[in-house]
């Protein structure tokens, strides 16, 4: 499904937009908890969305997004 933005000049993919919102919330939360966030620059088809780093440990973070009935819930799974 394609939806237009407020300006009407840019089309956004609905499900990708939800994933971007979930990633932004997760990154903000982990940053507040003291993690350094590393994101891929070139490849979008990795088995994780970003890497969280803290106390000399790296955690690959894949995001699973669930949006039932207008609510948002984010599941983080450490790999």
PDB file of N, CA and C in Angstrom:
ATOM      1  N   UNK A   1       0.845  -1.175   0.000  1.00  0.00           N
ATOM      2  CA  UNK A   1       0.000   0.000   0.000  1.00  0.00           C
ATOM      3  C   UNK A   1       0.889   1.235   0.000  1.00  0.00           C
ATOM      4  N   UNK A   2       0.591   2.179  -0.853  1.00  0.00           N
ATOM      5  CA  UNK A   2       1.332   3.428  -0.919  1.00  0.00           C
ATOM      6  C   UNK A   2       0.452   4.544  -0.368  1.00  0.00           C
ATOM      7  N   UNK A   3       1.046   5.379   0.472  1.00  0.00           N
ATOM      8  CA  UNK A   3       0.318   6.526   0.984  1.00  0.00           C
ATOM      9  C   UNK A   3       1.137   7.774   0.715  1.00  0.00           C
ATOM     10  N   UNK A   4       0.475   8.899   0.569  1.00  0.00           N
ATOM     11  CA  UNK A   4       1.207  10.137   0.298  1.00  0.00           C
ATOM     12  C   UNK A   4       1.457  10.881   1.596  1.00  0.00           C
ATOM     13  N   UNK A   5       2.510  11.691   1.598  1.00  0.00           N
ATOM     14  CA  UNK A   5       2.840  12.492   2.767  1.00  0.00           C
ATOM     15  C   UNK A   5       1.920  13.704   2.837  1.00  0.00           C
ATOM     16  N   UNK A   6       2.106  14.518   3.857  1.00  0.00           N
ATOM     17  CA  UNK A   6       1.279  15.711   4.045  1.00  0.00           C
ATOM     18  C   UNK A   6       1.416  16.652   2.853  1.00  0.00           C
ATOM     19  N   UNK A   7       2.640  16.812   2.346  1.00  0.00           N
ATOM     20  CA  UNK A   7       2.855  17.707   1.213  1.00  0.00           C
ATOM     21  C   UNK A   7       2.284  17.138  -0.081  1.00  0.00           C
ATOM     22  N   UNK A   8       2.095  15.833  -0.152  1.00  0.00           N
ATOM     23  CA  UNK A   8       1.536  15.213  -1.329  1.00  0.00           C
ATOM     24  C   UNK A   8       2.543  14.955  -2.433  1.00  0.00           C
ATOM     25  N   UNK A   9       3.804  15.333  -2.231  1.00  0.00           N
ATOM     26  CA  UNK A   9       4.792  15.173  -3.291  1.00  0.00           C
ATOM     27  C   UNK A   9       5.652  13.926  -3.108  1.00  0.00           C
ATOM     28  N   UNK A  10       5.603  13.280  -1.965  1.00  0.00           N
ATOM     29  CA  UNK A  10       6.437  12.126  -1.679  1.00  0.00           C
ATOM     30  C   UNK A  10       5.555  10.947  -1.307  1.00  0.00           C
ATOM     31  N   UNK A  11       5.785   9.795  -1.935  1.00  0.00           N
ATOM     32  CA  UNK A  11       5.040   8.586  -1.604  1.00  0.00           C
ATOM     33  C   UNK A  11       5.874   7.741  -0.653  1.00  0.00           C
ATOM     34  N   UNK A  12       5.248   7.236   0.390  1.00  0.00           N
ATOM     35  CA  UNK A  12       5.916   6.407   1.384  1.00  0.00           C
ATOM     36  C   UNK A  12       5.275   5.030   1.405  1.00  0.00           C
ATOM     37  N   UNK A  13       6.088   4.010   1.566  1.00  0.00           N
ATOM     38  CA  UNK A  13       5.577   2.652   1.685  1.00  0.00           C
ATOM     39  C   UNK A  13       5.106   2.459   3.125  1.00  0.00           C
ATOM     40  N   UNK A  14       3.846   2.107   3.310  1.00  0.00           N
ATOM     41  CA  UNK A  14       3.219   2.054   4.624  1.00  0.00           C
ATOM     42  C   UNK A  14       3.961   1.144   5.611  1.00  0.00           C
ATOM     43  N   UNK A  15       4.269  -0.101   5.219  1.00  0.00           N
ATOM     44  CA  UNK A  15       4.904  -1.020   6.161  1.00  0.00           C
ATOM     45  C   UNK A  15       6.348  -0.625   6.454  1.00  0.00           C
ATOM     46  N   UNK A  16       7.058  -0.080   5.486  1.00  0.00           N
ATOM     47  CA  UNK A  16       8.426   0.379   5.735  1.00  0.00           C
ATOM     48  C   UNK A  16       8.404   1.551   6.703  1.00  0.00           C
ATOM     49  N   UNK A  17       7.417   2.415   6.575  1.00  0.00           N
ATOM     50  CA  UNK A  17       7.287   3.548   7.481  1.00  0.00           C
ATOM     51  C   UNK A  17       7.090   3.064   8.916  1.00  0.00           C
ATOM     52  N   UNK A  18       6.264   2.034   9.117  1.00  0.00           N
ATOM     53  CA  UNK A  18       6.065   1.475  10.460  1.00  0.00           C
ATOM     54  C   UNK A  18       7.378   0.921  11.009  1.00  0.00           C
ATOM     55  N   UNK A  19       8.144   0.233  10.165  1.00  0.00           N
ATOM     56  CA  UNK A  19       9.430  -0.303  10.595  1.00  0.00           C
ATOM     57  C   UNK A  19      10.415   0.790  10.963  1.00  0.00           C
ATOM     58  N   UNK A  20      10.417   1.876  10.205  1.00  0.00           N
ATOM     59  CA  UNK A  20      11.289   3.014  10.510  1.00  0.00           C
ATOM     60  C   UNK A  20      10.917   3.644  11.847  1.00  0.00           C
ATOM     61  N   UNK A  21       9.628   3.744  12.127  1.00  0.00           N
ATOM     62  CA  UNK A  21       9.171   4.294  13.407  1.00  0.00           C
ATOM     63  C   UNK A  21       9.612   3.387  14.554  1.00  0.00           C
ATOM     64  N   UNK A  22       9.459   2.078  14.387  1.00  0.00           N
ATOM     65  CA  UNK A  22       9.871   1.132  15.425  1.00  0.00           C
ATOM     66  C   UNK A  22      11.373   1.211  15.671  1.00  0.00           C
ATOM     67  N   UNK A  23      12.161   1.288  14.608  1.00  0.00           N
ATOM     68  CA  UNK A  23      13.613   1.385  14.754  1.00  0.00           C
ATOM     69  C   UNK A  23      14.006   2.666  15.475  1.00  0.00           C
ATOM     70  N   UNK A  24      13.357   3.761  15.133  1.00  0.00           N
ATOM     71  CA  UNK A  24      13.652   5.046  15.773  1.00  0.00           C
ATOM     72  C   UNK A  24      13.358   4.991  17.262  1.00  0.00           C
ATOM     73  N   UNK A  25      12.225   4.393  17.639  1.00  0.00           N
ATOM     74  CA  UNK A  25      11.878   4.262  19.065  1.00  0.00           C
ATOM     75  C   UNK A  25      12.883   3.388  19.798  1.00  0.00           C
ATOM     76  N   UNK A  26      13.288   2.272  19.178  1.00  0.00           N
ATOM     77  CA  UNK A  26      14.245   1.366  19.812  1.00  0.00           C
ATOM     78  C   UNK A  26      15.603   2.037  19.985  1.00  0.00           C
ATOM     79  N   UNK A  27      16.057   2.745  18.950  1.00  0.00           N
ATOM     80  CA  UNK A  27      17.344   3.432  19.022  1.00  0.00           C
ATOM     81  C   UNK A  27      17.326   4.509  20.105  1.00  0.00           C
ATOM     82  N   UNK A  28      16.244   5.265  20.188  1.00  0.00           N
ATOM     83  CA  UNK A  28      16.128   6.301  21.219  1.00  0.00           C
ATOM     84  C   UNK A  28      16.172   5.678  22.609  1.00  0.00           C
ATOM     85  N   UNK A  29      15.437   4.593  22.816  1.00  0.00           N
ATOM     86  CA  UNK A  29      15.393   3.931  24.114  1.00  0.00           C
ATOM     87  C   UNK A  29      16.771   3.380  24.512  1.00  0.00           C
ATOM     88  N   UNK A  30      17.431   2.705  23.582  1.00  0.00           N
ATOM     89  CA  UNK A  30      18.746   2.140  23.889  1.00  0.00           C
ATOM     90  C   UNK A  30      19.790   3.230  24.105  1.00  0.00           C
ATOM     91  N   UNK A  31      19.695   4.322  23.371  1.00  0.00           N
ATOM     92  CA  UNK A  31      20.623   5.450  23.563  1.00  0.00           C
ATOM     93  C   UNK A  31      20.460   6.034  24.958  1.00  0.00           C
ATOM     94  N   UNK A  32      19.222   6.186  25.409  1.00  0.00           N
ATOM     95  CA  UNK A  32      18.976   6.688  26.768  1.00  0.00           C
ATOM     96  C   UNK A  32      19.527   5.733  27.828  1.00  0.00           C
ATOM     97  N   UNK A  33      19.616   4.452  27.502  1.00  0.00           N
ATOM     98  CA  UNK A  33      20.149   3.456  28.434  1.00  0.00           C
ATOM     99  C   UNK A  33      21.675   3.316  28.337  1.00  0.00           C
ATOM    100  N   UNK A  34      22.306   4.168  27.540  1.00  0.00           N
ATOM    101  CA  UNK A  34      23.762   4.194  27.485  1.00  0.00           C
ATOM    102  C   UNK A  34      24.415   3.361  26.397  1.00  0.00           C
ATOM    103  N   UNK A  35      23.644   2.858  25.451  1.00  0.00           N
ATOM    104  CA  UNK A  35      24.201   2.070  24.355  1.00  0.00           C
ATOM    105  C   UNK A  35      24.637   2.989  23.219  1.00  0.00           C
ATOM    106  N   UNK A  36      25.709   2.614  22.547  1.00  0.00           N
ATOM    107  CA  UNK A  36      26.116   3.248  21.298  1.00  0.00           C
ATOM    108  C   UNK A  36      25.456   2.450  20.192  1.00  0.00           C
ATOM    109  N   UNK A  37      24.832   3.131  19.241  1.00  0.00           N
ATOM    110  CA  UNK A  37      24.097   2.451  18.178  1.00  0.00           C
ATOM    111  C   UNK A  37      24.885   2.535  16.872  1.00  0.00           C
ATOM    112  N   UNK A  38      25.054   1.386  16.229  1.00  0.00           N
ATOM    113  CA  UNK A  38      25.740   1.291  14.946  1.00  0.00           C
ATOM    114  C   UNK A  38      24.725   0.829  13.913  1.00  0.00           C
ATOM    115  N   UNK A  39      24.623   1.568  12.816  1.00  0.00           N
ATOM    116  CA  UNK A  39      23.654   1.215  11.773  1.00  0.00           C
ATOM    117  C   UNK A  39      24.377   0.909  10.468  1.00  0.00           C
ATOM    118  N   UNK A  40      23.854  -0.029   9.671  1.00  0.00           N
ATOM    119  CA  UNK A  40      24.472  -0.323   8.380  1.00  0.00           C
ATOM    120  C   UNK A  40      24.304   0.856   7.423  1.00  0.00           C
ATOM    121  N   UNK A  41      25.332   1.117   6.646  1.00  0.00           N
ATOM    122  CA  UNK A  41      25.287   2.242   5.714  1.00  0.00           C
ATOM    123  C   UNK A  41      24.821   1.800   4.329  1.00  0.00           C
ATOM    124  N   UNK A  42      25.283   0.659   3.884  1.00  0.00           N
ATOM    125  CA  UNK A  42      25.036   0.259   2.502  1.00  0.00           C
ATOM    126  C   UNK A  42      23.951  -0.798   2.371  1.00  0.00           C
ATOM    127  N   UNK A  43      24.013  -1.851   3.152  1.00  0.00           N
ATOM    128  CA  UNK A  43      23.131  -3.009   2.966  1.00  0.00           C
ATOM    129  C   UNK A  43      21.905  -2.932   3.874  1.00  0.00           C
ATOM    130  N   UNK A  44      20.720  -3.078   3.282  1.00  0.00           N
ATOM    131  CA  UNK A  44      19.482  -3.112   4.058  1.00  0.00           C
ATOM    132  C   UNK A  44      18.973  -4.535   4.253  1.00  0.00           C
ATOM    133  N   UNK A  45      19.669  -5.531   3.713  1.00  0.00           N
ATOM    134  CA  UNK A  45      19.183  -6.905   3.754  1.00  0.00           C
ATOM    135  C   UNK A  45      20.051  -7.768   4.661  1.00  0.00           C
ATOM    136  N   UNK A  46      20.305  -7.296   5.853  1.00  0.00           N
ATOM    137  CA  UNK A  46      21.100  -8.032   6.836  1.00  0.00           C
ATOM    138  C   UNK A  46      20.157  -8.742   7.806  1.00  0.00           C
ATOM    139  N   UNK A  47      20.656  -9.739   8.539  1.00  0.00           N
ATOM    140  CA  UNK A  47      19.795 -10.431   9.505  1.00  0.00           C
ATOM    141  C   UNK A  47      19.558  -9.627  10.786  1.00  0.00           C
ATOM    142  N   UNK A  48      19.946  -8.365  10.797  1.00  0.00           N
ATOM    143  CA  UNK A  48      19.703  -7.479  11.934  1.00  0.00           C
ATOM    144  C   UNK A  48      19.461  -6.072  11.401  1.00  0.00           C
ATOM    145  N   UNK A  49      18.842  -5.222  12.223  1.00  0.00           N
ATOM    146  CA  UNK A  49      18.553  -3.853  11.806  1.00  0.00           C
ATOM    147  C   UNK A  49      19.635  -2.876  12.238  1.00  0.00           C
ATOM    148  N   UNK A  50      20.222  -3.117  13.412  1.00  0.00           N
ATOM    149  CA  UNK A  50      21.327  -2.298  13.879  1.00  0.00           C
ATOM    150  C   UNK A  50      22.071  -3.064  14.966  1.00  0.00           C
ATOM    151  N   UNK A  51      23.181  -2.497  15.414  1.00  0.00           N
ATOM    152  CA  UNK A  51      23.993  -3.109  16.464  1.00  0.00           C
ATOM    153  C   UNK A  51      24.025  -2.146  17.641  1.00  0.00           C
ATOM    154  N   UNK A  52      23.815  -2.681  18.839  1.00  0.00           N
ATOM    155  CA  UNK A  52      23.939  -1.892  20.065  1.00  0.00           C
ATOM    156  C   UNK A  52      25.233  -2.313  20.757  1.00  0.00           C
ATOM    157  N   UNK A  53      26.003  -1.342  21.231  1.00  0.00           N
ATOM    158  CA  UNK A  53      27.306  -1.595  21.837  1.00  0.00           C
ATOM    159  C   UNK A  53      27.358  -0.947  23.215  1.00  0.00           C
ATOM    160  N   UNK A  54      27.775  -1.730  24.228  1.00  0.00           N
ATOM    161  CA  UNK A  54      27.921  -1.212  25.588  1.00  0.00           C
ATOM    162  C   UNK A  54      28.805  -2.169  26.375  1.00  0.00           C
ATOM    163  N   UNK A  55      29.684  -1.637  27.195  1.00  0.00           N
ATOM    164  CA  UNK A  55      30.563  -2.434  28.053  1.00  0.00           C
ATOM    165  C   UNK A  55      31.364  -3.462  27.253  1.00  0.00           C
ATOM    166  N   UNK A  56      31.934  -3.026  26.126  1.00  0.00           N
ATOM    167  CA  UNK A  56      32.756  -3.884  25.258  1.00  0.00           C
ATOM    168  C   UNK A  56      32.008  -5.089  24.695  1.00  0.00           C
ATOM    169  N   UNK A  57      30.675  -5.003  24.582  1.00  0.00           N
ATOM    170  CA  UNK A  57      29.868  -6.075  24.007  1.00  0.00           C
ATOM    171  C   UNK A  57      28.997  -5.506  22.894  1.00  0.00           C
ATOM    172  N   UNK A  58      28.872  -6.281  21.811  1.00  0.00           N
ATOM    173  CA  UNK A  58      28.009  -5.909  20.687  1.00  0.00           C
ATOM    174  C   UNK A  58      26.793  -6.821  20.666  1.00  0.00           C
ATOM    175  N   UNK A  59      25.636  -6.237  20.387  1.00  0.00           N
ATOM    176  CA  UNK A  59      24.391  -6.979  20.284  1.00  0.00           C
ATOM    177  C   UNK A  59      23.748  -6.677  18.935  1.00  0.00           C
ATOM    178  N   UNK A  60      23.568  -7.700  18.107  1.00  0.00           N
ATOM    179  CA  UNK A  60      22.851  -7.518  16.845  1.00  0.00           C
ATOM    180  C   UNK A  60      21.363  -7.450  17.177  1.00  0.00           C
ATOM    181  N   UNK A  61      20.700  -6.423  16.717  1.00  0.00           N
ATOM    182  CA  UNK A  61      19.300  -6.197  17.073  1.00  0.00           C
ATOM    183  C   UNK A  61      18.405  -6.300  15.831  1.00  0.00           C
ATOM    184  N   UNK A  62      17.624  -7.384  15.732  1.00  0.00           N
ATOM    185  CA  UNK A  62      16.577  -7.428  14.707  1.00  0.00           C
ATOM    186  C   UNK A  62      15.278  -6.905  15.321  1.00  0.00           C
ATOM    187  N   UNK A  63      14.484  -6.191  14.567  1.00  0.00           N
ATOM    188  CA  UNK A  63      13.225  -5.649  15.073  1.00  0.00           C
ATOM    189  C   UNK A  63      12.056  -6.440  14.514  1.00  0.00           C
ATOM    190  N   UNK A  64      11.115  -6.742  15.366  1.00  0.00           N
ATOM    191  CA  UNK A  64       9.853  -7.351  14.954  1.00  0.00           C
ATOM    192  C   UNK A  64       8.761  -6.383  15.376  1.00  0.00           C
ATOM    193  N   UNK A  65       7.997  -5.898  14.429  1.00  0.00           N
ATOM    194  CA  UNK A  65       6.999  -4.868  14.713  1.00  0.00           C
ATOM    195  C   UNK A  65       5.599  -5.458  14.676  1.00  0.00           C
ATOM    196  N   UNK A  66       4.813  -5.132  15.674  1.00  0.00           N
ATOM    197  CA  UNK A  66       3.413  -5.546  15.735  1.00  0.00           C
ATOM    198  C   UNK A  66       2.585  -4.296  15.997  1.00  0.00           C
ATOM    199  N   UNK A  67       1.608  -4.039  15.166  1.00  0.00           N
ATOM    200  CA  UNK A  67       0.768  -2.862  15.317  1.00  0.00           C
ATOM    201  C   UNK A  67      -0.706  -3.259  15.326  1.00  0.00           C
ATOM    202  N   UNK A  68      -1.173  -3.958  16.367  1.00  0.00           N
ATOM    203  CA  UNK A  68      -2.584  -4.338  16.407  1.00  0.00           C
ATOM    204  C   UNK A  68      -3.483  -3.182  16.826  1.00  0.00           C
ATOM    205  N   UNK A  69      -4.527  -2.963  16.059  1.00  0.00           N
ATOM    206  CA  UNK A  69      -5.580  -1.990  16.394  1.00  0.00           C
ATOM    207  C   UNK A  69      -5.043  -0.614  16.788  1.00  0.00           C
ATOM    208  N   UNK A  70      -4.121  -0.092  16.011  1.00  0.00           N
ATOM    209  CA  UNK A  70      -3.638   1.260  16.246  1.00  0.00           C
ATOM    210  C   UNK A  70      -2.592   1.392  17.334  1.00  0.00           C
ATOM    211  N   UNK A  71      -2.274   0.312  18.020  1.00  0.00           N
ATOM    212  CA  UNK A  71      -1.245   0.380  19.061  1.00  0.00           C
ATOM    213  C   UNK A  71       0.085  -0.042  18.453  1.00  0.00           C
ATOM    214  N   UNK A  72       1.158   0.361  19.069  1.00  0.00           N
ATOM    215  CA  UNK A  72       2.461  -0.079  18.604  1.00  0.00           C
ATOM    216  C   UNK A  72       3.152  -0.869  19.720  1.00  0.00           C
ATOM    217  N   UNK A  73       3.727  -1.979  19.320  1.00  0.00           N
ATOM    218  CA  UNK A  73       4.488  -2.800  20.263  1.00  0.00           C
ATOM    219  C   UNK A  73       5.756  -3.220  19.541  1.00  0.00           C
ATOM    220  N   UNK A  74       6.865  -3.142  20.208  1.00  0.00           N
ATOM    221  CA  UNK A  74       8.140  -3.460  19.602  1.00  0.00           C
ATOM    222  C   UNK A  74       8.792  -4.595  20.361  1.00  0.00           C
ATOM    223  N   UNK A  75       9.222  -5.597  19.641  1.00  0.00           N
ATOM    224  CA  UNK A  75       9.927  -6.723  20.256  1.00  0.00           C
ATOM    225  C   UNK A  75      11.384  -6.675  19.830  1.00  0.00           C
ATOM    226  N   UNK A  76      12.272  -6.704  20.804  1.00  0.00           N
ATOM    227  CA  UNK A  76      13.697  -6.774  20.520  1.00  0.00           C
ATOM    228  C   UNK A  76      14.190  -8.166  20.886  1.00  0.00           C
ATOM    229  N   UNK A  77      14.969  -8.742  19.998  1.00  0.00           N
ATOM    230  CA  UNK A  77      15.537 -10.059  20.259  1.00  0.00           C
ATOM    231  C   UNK A  77      17.044  -9.958  20.131  1.00  0.00           C
ATOM    232  N   UNK A  78      17.755 -10.301  21.176  1.00  0.00           N
ATOM    233  CA  UNK A  78      19.213 -10.258  21.115  1.00  0.00           C
ATOM    234  C   UNK A  78      19.720 -11.477  20.365  1.00  0.00           C
ATOM    235  N   UNK A  79      20.622 -11.248  19.421  1.00  0.00           N
ATOM    236  CA  UNK A  79      21.204 -12.358  18.664  1.00  0.00           C
ATOM    237  C   UNK A  79      22.599 -12.641  19.175  1.00  0.00           C
TER     238      UNK A  79
END
